[in-house]
């Protein structure tokens, strides 16, 4: 069980790295697409992740940023795995 937990942590770090690379290369639209791809894959896992929302927002006022946004942004995600809301 501990090995599976470490594997999950390593996978999460790799997924976060992929999303960060998308941000550096292509902006907000690419970040949303990369995050959506990771979350879609997690939806196929066991137990599945059920996405409640995904938003890329301005850290100052939490308004959604446009696809061509350059600069800081916060990726806000709410999801469920079983009965646990993340």
PDB file of N, CA and C in Angstrom:
ATOM      1  N   UNK A   1       0.831  -1.201   0.000  1.00  0.00           N
ATOM      2  CA  UNK A   1       0.000   0.000   0.000  1.00  0.00           C
ATOM      3  C   UNK A   1       0.872   1.261   0.000  1.00  0.00           C
ATOM      4  N   UNK A   2       1.965   1.224   0.780  1.00  0.00           N
ATOM      5  CA  UNK A   2       2.849   2.396   0.825  1.00  0.00           C
ATOM      6  C   UNK A   2       3.498   2.636  -0.534  1.00  0.00           C
ATOM      7  N   UNK A   3       3.871   1.565  -1.224  1.00  0.00           N
ATOM      8  CA  UNK A   3       4.473   1.712  -2.551  1.00  0.00           C
ATOM      9  C   UNK A   3       3.475   2.327  -3.525  1.00  0.00           C
ATOM     10  N   UNK A   4       2.205   1.924  -3.436  1.00  0.00           N
ATOM     11  CA  UNK A   4       1.183   2.507  -4.302  1.00  0.00           C
ATOM     12  C   UNK A   4       0.985   3.979  -3.994  1.00  0.00           C
ATOM     13  N   UNK A   5       1.044   4.342  -2.727  1.00  0.00           N
ATOM     14  CA  UNK A   5       0.914   5.747  -2.340  1.00  0.00           C
ATOM     15  C   UNK A   5       2.057   6.564  -2.919  1.00  0.00           C
ATOM     16  N   UNK A   6       3.284   6.036  -2.829  1.00  0.00           N
ATOM     17  CA  UNK A   6       4.446   6.745  -3.394  1.00  0.00           C
ATOM     18  C   UNK A   6       4.334   6.844  -4.907  1.00  0.00           C
ATOM     19  N   UNK A   7       3.823   5.794  -5.537  1.00  0.00           N
ATOM     20  CA  UNK A   7       3.623   5.818  -6.982  1.00  0.00           C
ATOM     21  C   UNK A   7       2.613   6.902  -7.354  1.00  0.00           C
ATOM     22  N   UNK A   8       1.541   7.010  -6.595  1.00  0.00           N
ATOM     23  CA  UNK A   8       0.542   8.046  -6.833  1.00  0.00           C
ATOM     24  C   UNK A   8       1.120   9.436  -6.665  1.00  0.00           C
ATOM     25  N   UNK A   9       1.952   9.621  -5.651  1.00  0.00           N
ATOM     26  CA  UNK A   9       2.595  10.920  -5.430  1.00  0.00           C
ATOM     27  C   UNK A   9       3.537  11.263  -6.580  1.00  0.00           C
ATOM     28  N   UNK A  10       4.285  10.285  -7.056  1.00  0.00           N
ATOM     29  CA  UNK A  10       5.199  10.524  -8.176  1.00  0.00           C
ATOM     30  C   UNK A  10       4.410  10.874  -9.431  1.00  0.00           C
ATOM     31  N   UNK A  11       3.301  10.190  -9.651  1.00  0.00           N
ATOM     32  CA  UNK A  11       2.459  10.470 -10.822  1.00  0.00           C
ATOM     33  C   UNK A  11       1.879  11.882 -10.736  1.00  0.00           C
ATOM     34  N   UNK A  12       1.418  12.276  -9.566  1.00  0.00           N
ATOM     35  CA  UNK A  12       0.862  13.619  -9.389  1.00  0.00           C
ATOM     36  C   UNK A  12       1.916  14.680  -9.667  1.00  0.00           C
ATOM     37  N   UNK A  13       3.138  14.440  -9.222  1.00  0.00           N
ATOM     38  CA  UNK A  13       4.221  15.395  -9.481  1.00  0.00           C
ATOM     39  C   UNK A  13       4.516  15.486 -10.971  1.00  0.00           C
ATOM     40  N   UNK A  14       4.520  14.360 -11.663  1.00  0.00           N
ATOM     41  CA  UNK A  14       4.766  14.365 -13.111  1.00  0.00           C
ATOM     42  C   UNK A  14       3.646  15.089 -13.847  1.00  0.00           C
ATOM     43  N   UNK A  15       2.403  14.863 -13.430  1.00  0.00           N
ATOM     44  CA  UNK A  15       1.270  15.544 -14.055  1.00  0.00           C
ATOM     45  C   UNK A  15       1.348  17.046 -13.824  1.00  0.00           C
ATOM     46  N   UNK A  16       1.698  17.464 -12.619  1.00  0.00           N
ATOM     47  CA  UNK A  16       1.833  18.889 -12.317  1.00  0.00           C
ATOM     48  C   UNK A  16       2.937  19.507 -13.162  1.00  0.00           C
ATOM     49  N   UNK A  17       4.007  18.763 -13.363  1.00  0.00           N
ATOM     50  CA  UNK A  17       5.114  19.253 -14.190  1.00  0.00           C
ATOM     51  C   UNK A  17       4.654  19.444 -15.637  1.00  0.00           C
ATOM     52  N   UNK A  18       3.870  18.525 -16.157  1.00  0.00           N
ATOM     53  CA  UNK A  18       3.365  18.634 -17.531  1.00  0.00           C
ATOM     54  C   UNK A  18       2.485  19.865 -17.692  1.00  0.00           C
ATOM     55  N   UNK A  19       1.641  20.139 -16.709  1.00  0.00           N
ATOM     56  CA  UNK A  19       0.783  21.326 -16.767  1.00  0.00           C
ATOM     57  C   UNK A  19       1.633  22.586 -16.696  1.00  0.00           C
ATOM     58  N   UNK A  20       2.647  22.597 -15.837  1.00  0.00           N
ATOM     59  CA  UNK A  20       3.530  23.768 -15.724  1.00  0.00           C
ATOM     60  C   UNK A  20       4.282  24.016 -17.023  1.00  0.00           C
ATOM     61  N   UNK A  21       4.735  22.958 -17.682  1.00  0.00           N
ATOM     62  CA  UNK A  21       5.425  23.127 -18.962  1.00  0.00           C
ATOM     63  C   UNK A  21       4.490  23.713 -20.011  1.00  0.00           C
ATOM     64  N   UNK A  22       3.239  23.320 -20.001  1.00  0.00           N
ATOM     65  CA  UNK A  22       2.267  23.886 -20.940  1.00  0.00           C
ATOM     66  C   UNK A  22       2.121  25.381 -20.709  1.00  0.00           C
ATOM     67  N   UNK A  23       2.145  25.791 -19.461  1.00  0.00           N
ATOM     68  CA  UNK A  23       2.018  27.214 -19.134  1.00  0.00           C
ATOM     69  C   UNK A  23       3.185  28.004 -19.688  1.00  0.00           C
ATOM     70  N   UNK A  24       4.387  27.462 -19.579  1.00  0.00           N
ATOM     71  CA  UNK A  24       5.576  28.163 -20.054  1.00  0.00           C
ATOM     72  C   UNK A  24       5.604  28.261 -21.572  1.00  0.00           C
ATOM     73  N   UNK A  25       5.079  27.264 -22.245  1.00  0.00           N
ATOM     74  CA  UNK A  25       5.197  27.192 -23.701  1.00  0.00           C
ATOM     75  C   UNK A  25       4.064  27.866 -24.446  1.00  0.00           C
ATOM     76  N   UNK A  26       2.852  27.772 -23.959  1.00  0.00           N
ATOM     77  CA  UNK A  26       1.736  28.164 -24.815  1.00  0.00           C
ATOM     78  C   UNK A  26       0.623  28.945 -24.133  1.00  0.00           C
ATOM     79  N   UNK A  27       0.753  29.297 -22.891  1.00  0.00           N
ATOM     80  CA  UNK A  27      -0.249  30.140 -22.258  1.00  0.00           C
ATOM     81  C   UNK A  27      -1.408  29.401 -21.622  1.00  0.00           C
ATOM     82  N   UNK A  28      -2.418  30.184 -21.264  1.00  0.00           N
ATOM     83  CA  UNK A  28      -3.535  29.705 -20.455  1.00  0.00           C
ATOM     84  C   UNK A  28      -4.353  28.614 -21.143  1.00  0.00           C
ATOM     85  N   UNK A  29      -4.585  28.751 -22.424  1.00  0.00           N
ATOM     86  CA  UNK A  29      -5.363  27.733 -23.132  1.00  0.00           C
ATOM     87  C   UNK A  29      -4.699  26.374 -23.067  1.00  0.00           C
ATOM     88  N   UNK A  30      -3.379  26.356 -23.193  1.00  0.00           N
ATOM     89  CA  UNK A  30      -2.634  25.099 -23.119  1.00  0.00           C
ATOM     90  C   UNK A  30      -2.655  24.529 -21.710  1.00  0.00           C
ATOM     91  N   UNK A  31      -2.633  25.399 -20.708  1.00  0.00           N
ATOM     92  CA  UNK A  31      -2.707  24.924 -19.320  1.00  0.00           C
ATOM     93  C   UNK A  31      -4.040  24.229 -19.089  1.00  0.00           C
ATOM     94  N   UNK A  32      -5.118  24.868 -19.520  1.00  0.00           N
ATOM     95  CA  UNK A  32      -6.444  24.253 -19.357  1.00  0.00           C
ATOM     96  C   UNK A  32      -6.505  22.896 -20.069  1.00  0.00           C
ATOM     97  N   UNK A  33      -5.986  22.832 -21.285  1.00  0.00           N
ATOM     98  CA  UNK A  33      -6.020  21.585 -22.052  1.00  0.00           C
ATOM     99  C   UNK A  33      -5.188  20.498 -21.374  1.00  0.00           C
ATOM    100  N   UNK A  34      -4.004  20.853 -20.875  1.00  0.00           N
ATOM    101  CA  UNK A  34      -3.145  19.871 -20.204  1.00  0.00           C
ATOM    102  C   UNK A  34      -3.793  19.380 -18.916  1.00  0.00           C
ATOM    103  N   UNK A  35      -4.352  20.301 -18.146  1.00  0.00           N
ATOM    104  CA  UNK A  35      -5.017  19.914 -16.901  1.00  0.00           C
ATOM    105  C   UNK A  35      -6.220  19.027 -17.198  1.00  0.00           C
ATOM    106  N   UNK A  36      -6.991  19.384 -18.205  1.00  0.00           N
ATOM    107  CA  UNK A  36      -8.171  18.590 -18.574  1.00  0.00           C
ATOM    108  C   UNK A  36      -7.745  17.178 -18.986  1.00  0.00           C
ATOM    109  N   UNK A  37      -6.645  17.049 -19.725  1.00  0.00           N
ATOM    110  CA  UNK A  37      -6.161  15.730 -20.148  1.00  0.00           C
ATOM    111  C   UNK A  37      -5.782  14.875 -18.942  1.00  0.00           C
ATOM    112  N   UNK A  38      -5.093  15.474 -17.975  1.00  0.00           N
ATOM    113  CA  UNK A  38      -4.703  14.746 -16.759  1.00  0.00           C
ATOM    114  C   UNK A  38      -5.950  14.306 -15.997  1.00  0.00           C
ATOM    115  N   UNK A  39      -6.914  15.213 -15.860  1.00  0.00           N
ATOM    116  CA  UNK A  39      -8.123  14.899 -15.098  1.00  0.00           C
ATOM    117  C   UNK A  39      -9.008  13.889 -15.832  1.00  0.00           C
ATOM    118  N   UNK A  40      -9.048  13.957 -17.157  1.00  0.00           N
ATOM    119  CA  UNK A  40      -9.801  12.964 -17.927  1.00  0.00           C
ATOM    120  C   UNK A  40      -9.207  11.573 -17.735  1.00  0.00           C
ATOM    121  N   UNK A  41      -7.879  11.503 -17.687  1.00  0.00           N
ATOM    122  CA  UNK A  41      -7.220  10.212 -17.442  1.00  0.00           C
ATOM    123  C   UNK A  41      -7.553   9.703 -16.044  1.00  0.00           C
ATOM    124  N   UNK A  42      -7.567  10.603 -15.071  1.00  0.00           N
ATOM    125  CA  UNK A  42      -7.896  10.212 -13.697  1.00  0.00           C
ATOM    126  C   UNK A  42      -9.346   9.741 -13.587  1.00  0.00           C
ATOM    127  N   UNK A  43     -10.203  10.235 -14.454  1.00  0.00           N
ATOM    128  CA  UNK A  43     -11.604   9.804 -14.448  1.00  0.00           C
ATOM    129  C   UNK A  43     -11.741   8.342 -14.858  1.00  0.00           C
ATOM    130  N   UNK A  44     -10.733   7.831 -15.567  1.00  0.00           N
ATOM    131  CA  UNK A  44     -10.743   6.431 -16.003  1.00  0.00           C
ATOM    132  C   UNK A  44     -10.073   5.508 -14.984  1.00  0.00           C
ATOM    133  N   UNK A  45      -9.484   6.076 -13.932  1.00  0.00           N
ATOM    134  CA  UNK A  45      -8.764   5.292 -12.923  1.00  0.00           C
ATOM    135  C   UNK A  45      -9.754   4.603 -11.986  1.00  0.00           C
ATOM    136  N   UNK A  46      -9.213   3.790 -11.113  1.00  0.00           N
ATOM    137  CA  UNK A  46     -10.032   3.126 -10.107  1.00  0.00           C
ATOM    138  C   UNK A  46      -9.477   3.440  -8.733  1.00  0.00           C
ATOM    139  N   UNK A  47     -10.167   4.128  -7.860  1.00  0.00           N
ATOM    140  CA  UNK A  47     -11.496   4.697  -8.076  1.00  0.00           C
ATOM    141  C   UNK A  47     -11.420   5.916  -8.990  1.00  0.00           C
ATOM    142  N   UNK A  48     -12.487   6.196  -9.713  1.00  0.00           N
ATOM    143  CA  UNK A  48     -12.450   7.317 -10.659  1.00  0.00           C
ATOM    144  C   UNK A  48     -12.531   8.674  -9.967  1.00  0.00           C
ATOM    145  N   UNK A  49     -11.910   9.647 -10.589  1.00  0.00           N
ATOM    146  CA  UNK A  49     -12.023  11.038 -10.157  1.00  0.00           C
ATOM    147  C   UNK A  49     -13.193  11.649 -10.917  1.00  0.00           C
ATOM    148  N   UNK A  50     -14.078  12.332 -10.197  1.00  0.00           N
ATOM    149  CA  UNK A  50     -15.206  13.025 -10.814  1.00  0.00           C
ATOM    150  C   UNK A  50     -14.965  14.515 -10.668  1.00  0.00           C
ATOM    151  N   UNK A  51     -14.780  15.193 -11.781  1.00  0.00           N
ATOM    152  CA  UNK A  51     -14.470  16.621 -11.775  1.00  0.00           C
ATOM    153  C   UNK A  51     -15.718  17.441 -11.491  1.00  0.00           C
ATOM    154  N   UNK A  52     -15.625  18.344 -10.504  1.00  0.00           N
ATOM    155  CA  UNK A  52     -16.696  19.303 -10.232  1.00  0.00           C
ATOM    156  C   UNK A  52     -16.453  20.584 -11.020  1.00  0.00           C
ATOM    157  N   UNK A  53     -15.225  21.110 -10.943  1.00  0.00           N
ATOM    158  CA  UNK A  53     -14.883  22.264 -11.774  1.00  0.00           C
ATOM    159  C   UNK A  53     -13.386  22.386 -11.948  1.00  0.00           C
ATOM    160  N   UNK A  54     -13.026  23.089 -13.022  1.00  0.00           N
ATOM    161  CA  UNK A  54     -11.643  23.401 -13.359  1.00  0.00           C
ATOM    162  C   UNK A  54     -11.657  24.840 -13.851  1.00  0.00           C
ATOM    163  N   UNK A  55     -10.869  25.701 -13.216  1.00  0.00           N
ATOM    164  CA  UNK A  55     -10.827  27.107 -13.622  1.00  0.00           C
ATOM    165  C   UNK A  55      -9.400  27.615 -13.510  1.00  0.00           C
ATOM    166  N   UNK A  56      -8.978  28.403 -14.477  1.00  0.00           N
ATOM    167  CA  UNK A  56      -7.682  29.073 -14.439  1.00  0.00           C
ATOM    168  C   UNK A  56      -7.994  30.542 -14.184  1.00  0.00           C
ATOM    169  N   UNK A  57      -7.567  31.031 -13.016  1.00  0.00           N
ATOM    170  CA  UNK A  57      -8.012  32.348 -12.561  1.00  0.00           C
ATOM    171  C   UNK A  57      -6.856  33.273 -12.223  1.00  0.00           C
ATOM    172  N   UNK A  58      -7.163  34.566 -12.259  1.00  0.00           N
ATOM    173  CA  UNK A  58      -6.222  35.602 -11.839  1.00  0.00           C
ATOM    174  C   UNK A  58      -6.077  35.508 -10.323  1.00  0.00           C
ATOM    175  N   UNK A  59      -4.842  35.447  -9.791  1.00  0.00           N
ATOM    176  CA  UNK A  59      -4.675  35.302  -8.345  1.00  0.00           C
ATOM    177  C   UNK A  59      -5.125  36.528  -7.553  1.00  0.00           C
ATOM    178  N   UNK A  60      -5.260  37.676  -8.193  1.00  0.00           N
ATOM    179  CA  UNK A  60      -5.662  38.892  -7.480  1.00  0.00           C
ATOM    180  C   UNK A  60      -7.162  38.940  -7.217  1.00  0.00           C
ATOM    181  N   UNK A  61      -7.972  38.486  -8.193  1.00  0.00           N
ATOM    182  CA  UNK A  61      -9.419  38.632  -8.027  1.00  0.00           C
ATOM    183  C   UNK A  61     -10.215  37.364  -8.355  1.00  0.00           C
ATOM    184  N   UNK A  62      -9.525  36.291  -8.683  1.00  0.00           N
ATOM    185  CA  UNK A  62     -10.124  34.985  -8.976  1.00  0.00           C
ATOM    186  C   UNK A  62     -11.130  35.018 -10.123  1.00  0.00           C
ATOM    187  N   UNK A  63     -10.936  35.943 -11.071  1.00  0.00           N
ATOM    188  CA  UNK A  63     -11.731  35.915 -12.297  1.00  0.00           C
ATOM    189  C   UNK A  63     -11.024  35.022 -13.307  1.00  0.00           C
ATOM    190  N   UNK A  64     -11.809  34.349 -14.122  1.00  0.00           N
ATOM    191  CA  UNK A  64     -11.259  33.455 -15.150  1.00  0.00           C
ATOM    192  C   UNK A  64     -10.373  34.257 -16.108  1.00  0.00           C
ATOM    193  N   UNK A  65      -9.197  33.709 -16.443  1.00  0.00           N
ATOM    194  CA  UNK A  65      -8.299  34.395 -17.376  1.00  0.00           C
ATOM    195  C   UNK A  65      -8.591  33.914 -18.796  1.00  0.00           C
ATOM    196  N   UNK A  66      -8.370  34.788 -19.804  1.00  0.00           N
ATOM    197  CA  UNK A  66      -8.597  34.385 -21.194  1.00  0.00           C
ATOM    198  C   UNK A  66      -7.508  33.419 -21.670  1.00  0.00           C
ATOM    199  N   UNK A  67      -7.776  32.715 -22.768  1.00  0.00           N
ATOM    200  CA  UNK A  67      -6.828  31.732 -23.299  1.00  0.00           C
ATOM    201  C   UNK A  67      -5.483  32.336 -23.667  1.00  0.00           C
ATOM    202  N   UNK A  68      -5.450  33.612 -24.034  1.00  0.00           N
ATOM    203  CA  UNK A  68      -4.181  34.242 -24.423  1.00  0.00           C
ATOM    204  C   UNK A  68      -3.467  34.921 -23.251  1.00  0.00           C
ATOM    205  N   UNK A  69      -3.936  34.679 -22.036  1.00  0.00           N
ATOM    206  CA  UNK A  69      -3.339  35.286 -20.833  1.00  0.00           C
ATOM    207  C   UNK A  69      -1.883  34.860 -20.677  1.00  0.00           C
ATOM    208  N   UNK A  70      -1.038  35.808 -20.367  1.00  0.00           N
ATOM    209  CA  UNK A  70       0.365  35.545 -20.029  1.00  0.00           C
ATOM    210  C   UNK A  70       0.590  36.090 -18.626  1.00  0.00           C
ATOM    211  N   UNK A  71       1.302  35.369 -17.803  1.00  0.00           N
ATOM    212  CA  UNK A  71       1.560  35.822 -16.443  1.00  0.00           C
ATOM    213  C   UNK A  71       1.003  34.842 -15.436  1.00  0.00           C
ATOM    214  N   UNK A  72       0.972  35.277 -14.192  1.00  0.00           N
ATOM    215  CA  UNK A  72       0.538  34.394 -13.113  1.00  0.00           C
ATOM    216  C   UNK A  72      -0.936  34.060 -13.219  1.00  0.00           C
ATOM    217  N   UNK A  73      -1.251  32.841 -12.823  1.00  0.00           N
ATOM    218  CA  UNK A  73      -2.632  32.381 -12.741  1.00  0.00           C
ATOM    219  C   UNK A  73      -2.665  31.209 -11.765  1.00  0.00           C
ATOM    220  N   UNK A  74      -3.836  30.954 -11.229  1.00  0.00           N
ATOM    221  CA  UNK A  74      -4.042  29.853 -10.292  1.00  0.00           C
ATOM    222  C   UNK A  74      -4.981  28.848 -10.952  1.00  0.00           C
ATOM    223  N   UNK A  75      -4.583  27.590 -10.942  1.00  0.00           N
ATOM    224  CA  UNK A  75      -5.437  26.528 -11.459  1.00  0.00           C
ATOM    225  C   UNK A  75      -6.263  26.002 -10.290  1.00  0.00           C
ATOM    226  N   UNK A  76      -7.559  26.279 -10.324  1.00  0.00           N
ATOM    227  CA  UNK A  76      -8.463  25.849  -9.253  1.00  0.00           C
ATOM    228  C   UNK A  76      -9.226  24.617  -9.730  1.00  0.00           C
ATOM    229  N   UNK A  77      -9.172  23.574  -8.922  1.00  0.00           N
ATOM    230  CA  UNK A  77      -9.821  22.316  -9.278  1.00  0.00           C
ATOM    231  C   UNK A  77     -10.589  21.811  -8.070  1.00  0.00           C
ATOM    232  N   UNK A  78     -11.803  21.364  -8.307  1.00  0.00           N
ATOM    233  CA  UNK A  78     -12.561  20.643  -7.286  1.00  0.00           C
ATOM    234  C   UNK A  78     -13.004  19.337  -7.924  1.00  0.00           C
ATOM    235  N   UNK A  79     -12.808  18.252  -7.195  1.00  0.00           N
ATOM    236  CA  UNK A  79     -13.153  16.941  -7.733  1.00  0.00           C
ATOM    237  C   UNK A  79     -13.466  15.998  -6.583  1.00  0.00           C
ATOM    238  N   UNK A  80     -14.060  14.886  -6.927  1.00  0.00           N
ATOM    239  CA  UNK A  80     -14.364  13.847  -5.938  1.00  0.00           C
ATOM    240  C   UNK A  80     -13.687  12.540  -6.347  1.00  0.00           C
ATOM    241  N   UNK A  81     -13.195  11.863  -5.346  1.00  0.00           N
ATOM    242  CA  UNK A  81     -12.727  10.490  -5.506  1.00  0.00           C
ATOM    243  C   UNK A  81     -13.503   9.699  -4.468  1.00  0.00           C
ATOM    244  N   UNK A  82     -14.447   8.914  -4.944  1.00  0.00           N
ATOM    245  CA  UNK A  82     -15.360   8.253  -4.019  1.00  0.00           C
ATOM    246  C   UNK A  82     -16.188   9.304  -3.304  1.00  0.00           C
ATOM    247  N   UNK A  83     -16.240   9.242  -1.985  1.00  0.00           N
ATOM    248  CA  UNK A  83     -17.013  10.222  -1.215  1.00  0.00           C
ATOM    249  C   UNK A  83     -16.163  11.399  -0.749  1.00  0.00           C
ATOM    250  N   UNK A  84     -14.880  11.410  -1.120  1.00  0.00           N
ATOM    251  CA  UNK A  84     -13.971  12.473  -0.685  1.00  0.00           C
ATOM    252  C   UNK A  84     -13.908  13.577  -1.724  1.00  0.00           C
ATOM    253  N   UNK A  85     -14.178  14.817  -1.282  1.00  0.00           N
ATOM    254  CA  UNK A  85     -14.067  15.965  -2.189  1.00  0.00           C
ATOM    255  C   UNK A  85     -12.682  16.563  -2.020  1.00  0.00           C
ATOM    256  N   UNK A  86     -12.011  16.757  -3.140  1.00  0.00           N
ATOM    257  CA  UNK A  86     -10.661  17.314  -3.144  1.00  0.00           C
ATOM    258  C   UNK A  86     -10.698  18.744  -3.608  1.00  0.00           C
TER     259      UNK A  86
END
